[in-house]
């Protein structure tokens, strides 16, 4: 391995840790939601807004953030993202009520866009096309570790050791700020060689880039895939524990189902994108992922009294989600007129629209539960989202060599 390659892989490793830091800080609030509600006297609707605030931040900011990162480069985009969400995460420790906690949480979302769109840009700049899917899998695995760690380490271990949610928010946020300095130091060799686009921030330049991305037919299909993917991810993960509790499963065992879903995502991320790299088969990989989401959700729906069969369905959904997640970040690099130069803008566009699905997924599952008294309509809707992934993947062109 050449010295240049070593620096590239170091940057990828640090980028993966950045994603882990983001998801850890992101999900600390849901992990500590009960004591936060009690301490600040929040209502349930206020708590719901706080939990959904970061995905909603992506809707207005994603495209702008992507356009900016395509110009300043991944090093600065990720570095400033770390600083912003680290300081905001620490700031949540001094919140005195709903308004101040909401402001800090929204700022976490602002910093989060630097990581979400900086990492695809980083991979596109540092790795050849045939390795992009595998490299994207690496940092997506970092995100899984971060979200799992918030629940497995943040609440049960750091909370008691540090003295509650406020010091936990404070010290983890400051740790992210310290890590931002490590990021800037560790990626100093990639700054001038692989990063920055010098097109500038003129209104005409921004419009031209946005028009190129929005007019690409395959990008519109990728947006459909992203919307379906995020609706399944947020919709199923947000209600999974409650679904099993409603079926009479003990709370501890019901809580374990989220671990099963994450395990499936890890399997999918480690297998489907690298295999699609090796075979140059993006469309079949997307289609397979959608089929797994649909069949797994239907299995979960039909296996009401057979716990092992339901668990198999959750694993299938997880594998499908784990497969399509990295591909959403990798495919734009391969699209005509997108490529590495507009990767962040393209992924930003996917998430700008896709997070509408991320919000509507859990909302519709809950609303249909209120209307019908059953989770069946919501799960059927999630299964249909998997079919949308299949259909959009089938129609996509220009991604397989």
Protein backbone atom coordinates (compact mmCIF):
# COMPACT_ATOMS: atom_id res chain seq x y z
CA UNK A 1 0.00 0.00 0.00
CA UNK A 2 1.42 3.39 -1.00
CA UNK A 3 1.74 6.28 1.42
CA UNK A 4 -1.08 8.08 -0.42
CA UNK A 5 -3.35 5.07 0.01
CA UNK A 6 -2.55 4.94 3.73
CA UNK A 7 -3.69 8.53 4.14
CA UNK A 8 -6.85 7.78 2.16
CA UNK A 9 -7.74 4.85 4.39
CA UNK A 10 -6.92 6.87 7.50
CA UNK A 11 -9.31 9.55 6.27
CA UNK A 12 -11.99 6.90 5.69
CA UNK A 13 -11.47 5.50 9.20
CA UNK A 14 -11.72 8.96 10.75
CA UNK A 15 -14.78 9.68 8.62
CA UNK A 16 -16.43 6.51 9.89
CA UNK A 17 -15.72 7.59 13.46
CA UNK A 18 -17.25 10.98 12.62
CA UNK A 19 -20.46 9.24 11.56
CA UNK A 20 -20.38 7.15 14.75
CA UNK A 21 -20.01 10.35 16.82
CA UNK A 22 -22.92 11.96 14.99
CA UNK A 23 -25.34 9.09 15.51
CA UNK A 24 -24.26 8.69 19.13
CA UNK A 25 -25.02 12.35 19.87
CA UNK A 26 -28.16 12.21 17.72
CA UNK A 27 -29.71 9.28 19.57
CA UNK A 28 -28.64 10.29 23.06
CA UNK A 29 -31.82 12.34 23.31
CA UNK A 30 -34.16 9.42 22.46
CA UNK A 31 -32.12 7.23 24.82
CA UNK A 32 -32.58 9.69 27.71
CA UNK A 33 -36.05 10.84 26.65
CA UNK A 34 -37.88 9.73 29.80
CA UNK A 35 -35.68 11.62 32.31
CA UNK A 36 -35.52 14.65 29.98
CA UNK A 37 -39.33 14.76 29.82
CA UNK A 38 -39.54 14.50 33.61
CA UNK A 39 -36.85 17.10 34.34
CA UNK A 40 -38.07 19.71 31.84
CA UNK A 41 -41.80 19.04 32.20
CA UNK A 42 -42.27 18.31 28.48
CA UNK A 43 -45.54 17.18 26.95
CA UNK A 44 -45.67 14.13 24.71
CA UNK A 45 -46.11 16.23 21.57
CA UNK A 46 -43.11 18.36 22.52
CA UNK A 47 -41.06 15.20 23.03
CA UNK A 48 -42.21 13.93 19.63
CA UNK A 49 -41.10 17.14 17.94
CA UNK A 50 -37.69 16.91 19.60
CA UNK A 51 -37.18 13.31 18.47
CA UNK A 52 -38.13 14.20 14.89
CA UNK A 53 -36.36 17.56 14.76
CA UNK A 54 -33.08 16.40 13.20
CA UNK A 55 -34.66 14.55 10.23
CA UNK A 56 -36.84 17.60 9.60
CA UNK A 57 -33.69 19.78 9.54
CA UNK A 58 -32.48 17.83 6.52
CA UNK A 59 -35.47 18.79 4.38
CA UNK A 60 -34.61 22.52 3.91
CA UNK A 61 -30.83 22.24 4.37
CA UNK A 62 -29.73 19.12 2.50
CA UNK A 63 -29.44 20.51 -1.01
CA UNK A 64 -27.73 23.71 0.17
CA UNK A 65 -25.33 21.73 2.33
CA UNK A 66 -24.47 19.44 -0.58
CA UNK A 67 -23.81 22.39 -2.89
CA UNK A 68 -21.52 23.94 -0.27
CA UNK A 69 -19.55 20.74 0.39
CA UNK A 70 -19.00 20.20 -3.34
CA UNK A 71 -17.19 23.55 -3.24
CA UNK A 72 -15.29 23.60 0.06
CA UNK A 73 -14.40 19.89 -0.03
CA UNK A 74 -15.07 17.02 2.37
CA UNK A 75 -12.33 17.92 4.85
CA UNK A 76 -13.85 21.26 5.77
CA UNK A 77 -17.44 20.06 5.44
CA UNK A 78 -16.95 17.17 7.85
CA UNK A 79 -14.71 19.17 10.20
CA UNK A 80 -17.11 22.06 10.61
CA UNK A 81 -19.99 19.58 10.89
CA UNK A 82 -18.23 17.93 13.84
CA UNK A 83 -17.66 21.28 15.54
CA UNK A 84 -21.26 22.41 15.08
CA UNK A 85 -23.03 19.28 16.27
CA UNK A 86 -20.48 18.72 19.06
CA UNK A 87 -21.04 22.22 20.48
CA UNK A 88 -24.81 21.89 19.99
CA UNK A 89 -24.82 18.48 21.69
CA UNK A 90 -22.98 19.97 24.65
CA UNK A 91 -25.36 22.94 24.62
CA UNK A 92 -28.34 20.65 25.16
CA UNK A 93 -26.98 20.03 28.66
CA UNK A 94 -27.95 23.58 29.71
CA UNK A 95 -31.43 23.57 28.18
CA UNK A 96 -34.07 24.96 30.53
CA UNK A 97 -37.16 23.91 28.61
CA UNK A 98 -38.64 22.92 25.27
CA UNK A 99 -37.61 26.05 23.25
CA UNK A 100 -33.93 25.97 24.18
CA UNK A 101 -33.66 22.18 23.80
CA UNK A 102 -35.32 22.44 20.38
CA UNK A 103 -32.86 25.12 19.22
CA UNK A 104 -29.83 23.05 20.25
CA UNK A 105 -31.31 19.92 18.67
CA UNK A 106 -31.91 21.74 15.39
CA UNK A 107 -28.26 22.88 15.48
CA UNK A 108 -27.23 19.23 15.87
CA UNK A 109 -29.11 18.66 12.62
CA UNK A 110 -27.27 21.53 10.92
CA UNK A 111 -23.91 19.98 11.81
CA UNK A 112 -25.18 16.53 10.87
CA UNK A 113 -25.57 17.51 7.21
CA UNK A 114 -21.82 18.15 7.02
CA UNK A 115 -21.17 14.52 7.94
CA UNK A 116 -23.97 12.94 5.90
CA UNK A 117 -22.96 14.65 2.66
CA UNK A 118 -19.27 15.14 3.36
CA UNK A 119 -18.62 11.41 3.59
CA UNK A 120 -19.93 10.49 0.10
CA UNK A 121 -17.84 13.37 -1.26
CA UNK A 122 -14.79 12.08 0.64
CA UNK A 123 -15.17 8.56 -0.75
CA UNK A 124 -15.75 9.86 -4.28
CA UNK A 125 -12.56 11.95 -4.03
CA UNK A 126 -10.30 9.28 -2.55
CA UNK A 127 -11.33 5.95 -4.10
CA UNK A 128 -11.82 4.58 -7.62
CA UNK A 129 -15.33 3.87 -8.81
CA UNK A 130 -15.06 0.10 -8.36
CA UNK A 131 -14.36 0.54 -4.62
CA UNK A 132 -16.96 3.20 -3.82
CA UNK A 133 -19.66 0.76 -2.66
CA UNK A 134 -17.28 -1.01 -0.28
CA UNK A 135 -15.87 2.25 1.06
CA UNK A 136 -19.39 3.60 1.60
CA UNK A 137 -20.20 0.47 3.59
CA UNK A 138 -17.35 1.26 6.00
CA UNK A 139 -18.71 4.63 7.10
CA UNK A 140 -22.32 3.41 7.14
CA UNK A 141 -21.19 0.75 9.62
CA UNK A 142 -19.84 3.61 11.74
CA UNK A 143 -23.33 5.10 11.84
CA UNK A 144 -24.80 1.79 13.03
CA UNK A 145 -22.22 1.61 15.82
CA UNK A 146 -23.03 5.15 16.92
CA UNK A 147 -26.80 4.69 17.10
CA UNK A 148 -26.47 1.35 18.90
CA UNK A 149 -23.93 2.84 21.32
CA UNK A 150 -26.28 5.63 22.39
CA UNK A 151 -28.72 3.04 23.73
CA UNK A 152 -26.26 0.33 24.80
CA UNK A 153 -23.60 2.58 26.39
CA UNK A 154 -24.94 6.12 26.71
CA UNK A 155 -28.03 5.51 28.86
CA UNK A 156 -27.07 2.43 30.93
CA UNK A 157 -23.37 3.23 31.57
CA UNK A 158 -22.41 6.84 30.91
CA UNK A 159 -25.59 8.21 32.48
CA UNK A 160 -25.01 6.65 35.92
CA UNK A 161 -21.24 7.20 35.80
CA UNK A 162 -21.42 10.87 34.84
CA UNK A 163 -24.43 11.76 36.96
CA UNK A 164 -27.41 12.00 34.59
CA UNK A 165 -28.37 13.23 31.17
CA UNK A 166 -27.02 16.76 31.49
CA UNK A 167 -23.36 15.83 32.15
CA UNK A 168 -23.62 13.01 29.60
CA UNK A 169 -24.74 15.47 26.92
CA UNK A 170 -22.05 17.95 27.97
CA UNK A 171 -19.04 15.61 28.02
CA UNK A 172 -19.96 13.68 24.88
CA UNK A 173 -20.44 16.93 23.00
CA UNK A 174 -17.07 18.23 24.14
CA UNK A 175 -15.48 14.90 23.18
CA UNK A 176 -16.80 15.41 19.64
CA UNK A 177 -15.26 18.91 19.55
CA UNK A 178 -11.92 17.37 20.57
CA UNK A 179 -12.31 14.72 17.88
CA UNK A 180 -12.85 17.49 15.30
CA UNK A 181 -9.28 18.59 15.96
CA UNK A 182 -8.08 15.01 15.39
CA UNK A 183 -10.03 14.98 12.12
CA UNK A 184 -8.39 18.17 10.86
CA UNK A 185 -4.93 16.90 11.81
CA UNK A 186 -5.42 13.40 10.42
CA UNK A 187 -6.75 14.60 7.05
CA UNK A 188 -4.25 17.39 6.41
CA UNK A 189 -2.64 15.39 3.57
CA UNK A 190 -5.88 15.08 1.58
CA UNK A 191 -6.85 18.76 1.60
CA UNK A 192 -5.05 20.11 -1.46
CA UNK A 193 -4.69 16.83 -3.31
CA UNK A 194 -8.19 15.38 -3.40
CA UNK A 195 -10.71 17.75 -2.15
CA UNK A 196 -11.82 21.14 -3.07
CA UNK A 197 -13.86 22.32 -6.00
CA UNK A 198 -13.06 25.89 -7.05
CA UNK A 199 -16.31 26.75 -8.84
CA UNK A 200 -17.22 29.35 -6.25
CA UNK A 201 -20.51 30.30 -4.64
CA UNK A 202 -22.01 32.52 -7.33
CA UNK A 203 -25.76 32.20 -7.75
CA UNK A 204 -25.35 31.15 -11.38
CA UNK A 205 -22.92 28.36 -10.44
CA UNK A 206 -25.23 27.07 -7.72
CA UNK A 207 -28.21 27.10 -10.08
CA UNK A 208 -26.27 25.27 -12.78
CA UNK A 209 -25.20 22.49 -10.43
CA UNK A 210 -28.66 22.13 -8.90
CA UNK A 211 -30.23 21.99 -12.38
CA UNK A 212 -27.81 19.28 -13.52
CA UNK A 213 -28.68 17.14 -10.51
CA UNK A 214 -32.44 17.72 -10.54
CA UNK A 215 -32.80 17.08 -14.28
CA UNK A 216 -31.07 13.68 -14.23
CA UNK A 217 -33.75 10.95 -14.69
CA UNK A 218 -31.82 8.40 -12.65
CA UNK A 219 -31.48 10.92 -9.82
CA UNK A 220 -35.26 11.19 -9.62
CA UNK A 221 -35.45 7.40 -9.30
CA UNK A 222 -32.75 7.52 -6.64
CA UNK A 223 -34.82 10.09 -4.74
CA UNK A 224 -37.77 7.68 -4.83
CA UNK A 225 -35.53 4.93 -3.45
CA UNK A 226 -34.23 7.25 -0.74
CA UNK A 227 -37.73 8.32 0.28
CA UNK A 228 -38.86 4.70 0.55
CA UNK A 229 -35.67 3.68 2.36
CA UNK A 230 -35.99 6.42 5.00
CA UNK A 231 -39.70 5.80 5.51
CA UNK A 232 -38.99 2.11 6.22
CA UNK A 233 -35.95 2.84 8.38
CA UNK A 234 -37.64 5.45 10.59
CA UNK A 235 -41.12 3.95 10.41
CA UNK A 236 -40.21 0.40 11.38
CA UNK A 237 -37.38 1.18 13.80
CA UNK A 238 -39.50 3.75 15.63
CA UNK A 239 -42.42 1.37 16.21
CA UNK A 240 -40.77 -2.05 16.34
CA UNK A 241 -40.61 -2.35 20.13
CA UNK A 242 -44.22 -1.18 20.49
CA UNK A 243 -45.38 -3.66 17.85
CA UNK A 244 -43.96 -6.59 19.81
CA UNK A 245 -45.20 -5.27 23.14
CA UNK A 246 -48.69 -5.10 21.61
CA UNK A 247 -48.30 -8.78 20.71
CA UNK A 248 -47.66 -9.64 24.36
CA UNK A 249 -43.86 -9.87 24.21
CA UNK A 250 -42.04 -8.84 27.40
CA UNK A 251 -40.55 -5.31 27.20
CA UNK A 252 -36.95 -6.53 27.55
CA UNK A 253 -37.35 -9.05 24.73
CA UNK A 254 -39.27 -6.53 22.62
CA UNK A 255 -36.41 -4.07 23.04
CA UNK A 256 -33.99 -6.70 21.76
CA UNK A 257 -35.76 -6.64 18.39
CA UNK A 258 -34.06 -3.33 17.51
CA UNK A 259 -30.71 -5.07 18.01
CA UNK A 260 -31.84 -7.79 15.59
CA UNK A 261 -32.73 -5.13 13.01
CA UNK A 262 -29.34 -3.43 13.38
CA UNK A 263 -27.59 -6.81 13.10
CA UNK A 264 -29.42 -7.42 9.83
CA UNK A 265 -28.33 -4.00 8.57
CA UNK A 266 -24.70 -4.82 9.34
CA UNK A 267 -24.99 -8.09 7.39
CA UNK A 268 -26.60 -6.29 4.45
CA UNK A 269 -24.02 -3.50 4.41
CA UNK A 270 -21.12 -5.97 4.52
CA UNK A 271 -22.47 -8.16 1.73
CA UNK A 272 -24.67 -6.42 -0.85
CA UNK A 273 -22.69 -3.24 -1.74
CA UNK A 274 -19.26 -4.99 -1.89
CA UNK A 275 -20.78 -7.73 -4.04
CA UNK A 276 -22.29 -5.10 -6.33
CA UNK A 277 -18.81 -3.56 -6.60
CA UNK A 278 -17.28 -6.87 -7.61
CA UNK A 279 -19.99 -7.71 -10.15
CA UNK A 280 -20.64 -4.14 -11.36
CA UNK A 281 -24.30 -4.81 -10.62
CA UNK A 282 -25.94 -1.82 -8.91
CA UNK A 283 -29.48 -2.33 -10.24
CA UNK A 284 -29.76 -5.99 -9.16
CA UNK A 285 -28.39 -5.01 -5.73
CA UNK A 286 -31.05 -2.31 -5.29
CA UNK A 287 -33.79 -4.65 -6.51
CA UNK A 288 -32.65 -7.42 -4.14
CA UNK A 289 -32.64 -4.97 -1.23
CA UNK A 290 -36.21 -3.88 -2.01
CA UNK A 291 -37.40 -7.49 -2.28
CA UNK A 292 -35.88 -8.26 1.14
CA UNK A 293 -37.59 -5.22 2.69
CA UNK A 294 -40.99 -6.23 1.30
CA UNK A 295 -40.79 -9.96 2.07
CA UNK A 296 -39.36 -9.31 5.53
CA UNK A 297 -42.09 -6.82 6.41
CA UNK A 298 -44.83 -9.16 5.18
CA UNK A 299 -43.29 -11.97 7.23
CA UNK A 300 -43.33 -9.73 10.31
CA UNK A 301 -46.95 -8.83 9.58
CA UNK A 302 -48.18 -12.41 9.12
CA UNK A 303 -46.11 -14.09 11.87
CA UNK A 304 -48.00 -12.54 14.76
CA UNK A 305 -47.67 -15.49 17.14
CA UNK A 306 -44.45 -17.07 15.87
CA UNK A 307 -41.61 -15.08 17.38
CA UNK A 308 -38.76 -16.79 15.52
CA UNK A 309 -40.47 -16.28 12.16
CA UNK A 310 -41.08 -12.62 12.98
CA UNK A 311 -37.40 -12.27 13.93
CA UNK A 312 -36.44 -13.76 10.56
CA UNK A 313 -38.60 -11.12 8.91
CA UNK A 314 -36.84 -8.35 10.87
CA UNK A 315 -33.44 -9.71 9.81
CA UNK A 316 -34.54 -9.73 6.17
CA UNK A 317 -35.71 -6.11 6.40
CA UNK A 318 -32.43 -5.18 8.09
CA UNK A 319 -30.36 -6.84 5.35
CA UNK A 320 -32.36 -4.96 2.72
CA UNK A 321 -31.92 -1.62 4.49
CA UNK A 322 -28.22 -2.33 5.05
CA UNK A 323 -27.82 -3.07 1.36
CA UNK A 324 -29.57 -0.03 -0.04
CA UNK A 325 -28.16 2.50 2.46
CA UNK A 326 -24.57 2.56 1.14
CA UNK A 327 -25.79 2.32 -2.46
CA UNK A 328 -27.76 5.54 -2.06
CA UNK A 329 -24.43 7.27 -1.37
CA UNK A 330 -22.41 5.37 -3.99
CA UNK A 331 -24.62 5.42 -7.09
CA UNK A 332 -24.57 9.21 -7.73
CA UNK A 333 -20.82 9.03 -8.42
CA UNK A 334 -21.54 6.74 -11.38
CA UNK A 335 -24.36 8.73 -12.96
CA UNK A 336 -23.72 10.68 -16.15
CA UNK A 337 -23.21 14.42 -15.50
CA UNK A 338 -23.02 13.84 -11.72
CA UNK A 339 -19.76 12.05 -10.90
CA UNK A 340 -17.44 12.93 -8.00
CA UNK A 341 -17.79 16.67 -8.64
CA UNK A 342 -21.50 16.78 -7.74
CA UNK A 343 -21.70 13.83 -5.36
CA UNK A 344 -22.53 15.87 -2.24
CA UNK A 345 -25.16 17.89 -4.10
CA UNK A 346 -26.75 14.70 -5.43
CA UNK A 347 -26.83 12.95 -2.05
CA UNK A 348 -28.12 16.17 -0.49
CA UNK A 349 -30.99 16.19 -2.98
CA UNK A 350 -31.81 12.56 -2.13
CA UNK A 351 -32.03 13.37 1.57
CA UNK A 352 -33.79 16.72 1.11
CA UNK A 353 -36.78 14.89 -0.38
CA UNK A 354 -36.17 11.52 1.26
CA UNK A 355 -36.45 12.78 4.82
CA UNK A 356 -40.07 13.66 4.06
CA UNK A 357 -40.49 9.90 3.93
CA UNK A 358 -38.41 9.64 7.10
CA UNK A 359 -40.98 11.83 8.85
CA UNK A 360 -44.08 10.35 7.20
CA UNK A 361 -43.11 6.70 7.86
CA UNK A 362 -43.51 6.71 11.66
CA UNK A 363 -46.30 9.31 11.47
CA UNK A 364 -48.43 7.19 9.13
CA UNK A 365 -47.84 4.00 11.13
CA UNK A 366 -49.07 5.79 14.27
CA UNK A 367 -51.97 7.50 12.50
CA UNK A 368 -53.19 4.25 10.95
CA UNK A 369 -52.93 2.62 14.38
CA UNK A 370 -55.20 5.32 15.81
CA UNK A 371 -57.69 4.88 12.96
CA UNK A 372 -57.81 1.07 12.87
CA UNK A 373 -56.46 -0.11 16.23
CA UNK A 374 -53.98 -2.34 14.36
CA UNK A 375 -50.40 -2.17 13.14
CA UNK A 376 -51.32 -4.20 10.04
CA UNK A 377 -52.11 -1.20 7.75
CA UNK A 378 -48.86 0.52 8.74
CA UNK A 379 -46.79 -2.61 8.09
CA UNK A 380 -48.55 -3.08 4.75
CA UNK A 381 -47.56 0.49 3.86
CA UNK A 382 -43.93 -0.24 4.77
CA UNK A 383 -44.05 -3.35 2.57
CA UNK A 384 -45.25 -1.16 -0.30
CA UNK A 385 -42.25 1.12 0.26
CA UNK A 386 -40.06 -1.92 -0.39
CA UNK A 387 -41.89 -2.46 -3.68
CA UNK A 388 -41.15 1.16 -4.60
CA UNK A 389 -37.44 0.43 -4.11
CA UNK A 390 -37.77 -2.57 -6.43
CA UNK A 391 -39.64 -0.61 -9.12
CA UNK A 392 -37.26 2.37 -9.05
CA UNK A 393 -34.21 0.10 -9.14
CA UNK A 394 -35.66 -1.79 -12.09
CA UNK A 395 -36.08 1.41 -14.12
CA UNK A 396 -32.68 2.92 -13.26
CA UNK A 397 -30.15 3.13 -16.08
CA UNK A 398 -26.52 4.12 -16.47
CA UNK A 399 -25.21 2.54 -13.26
CA UNK A 400 -24.05 -0.92 -14.40
CA UNK A 401 -21.00 -1.39 -16.60
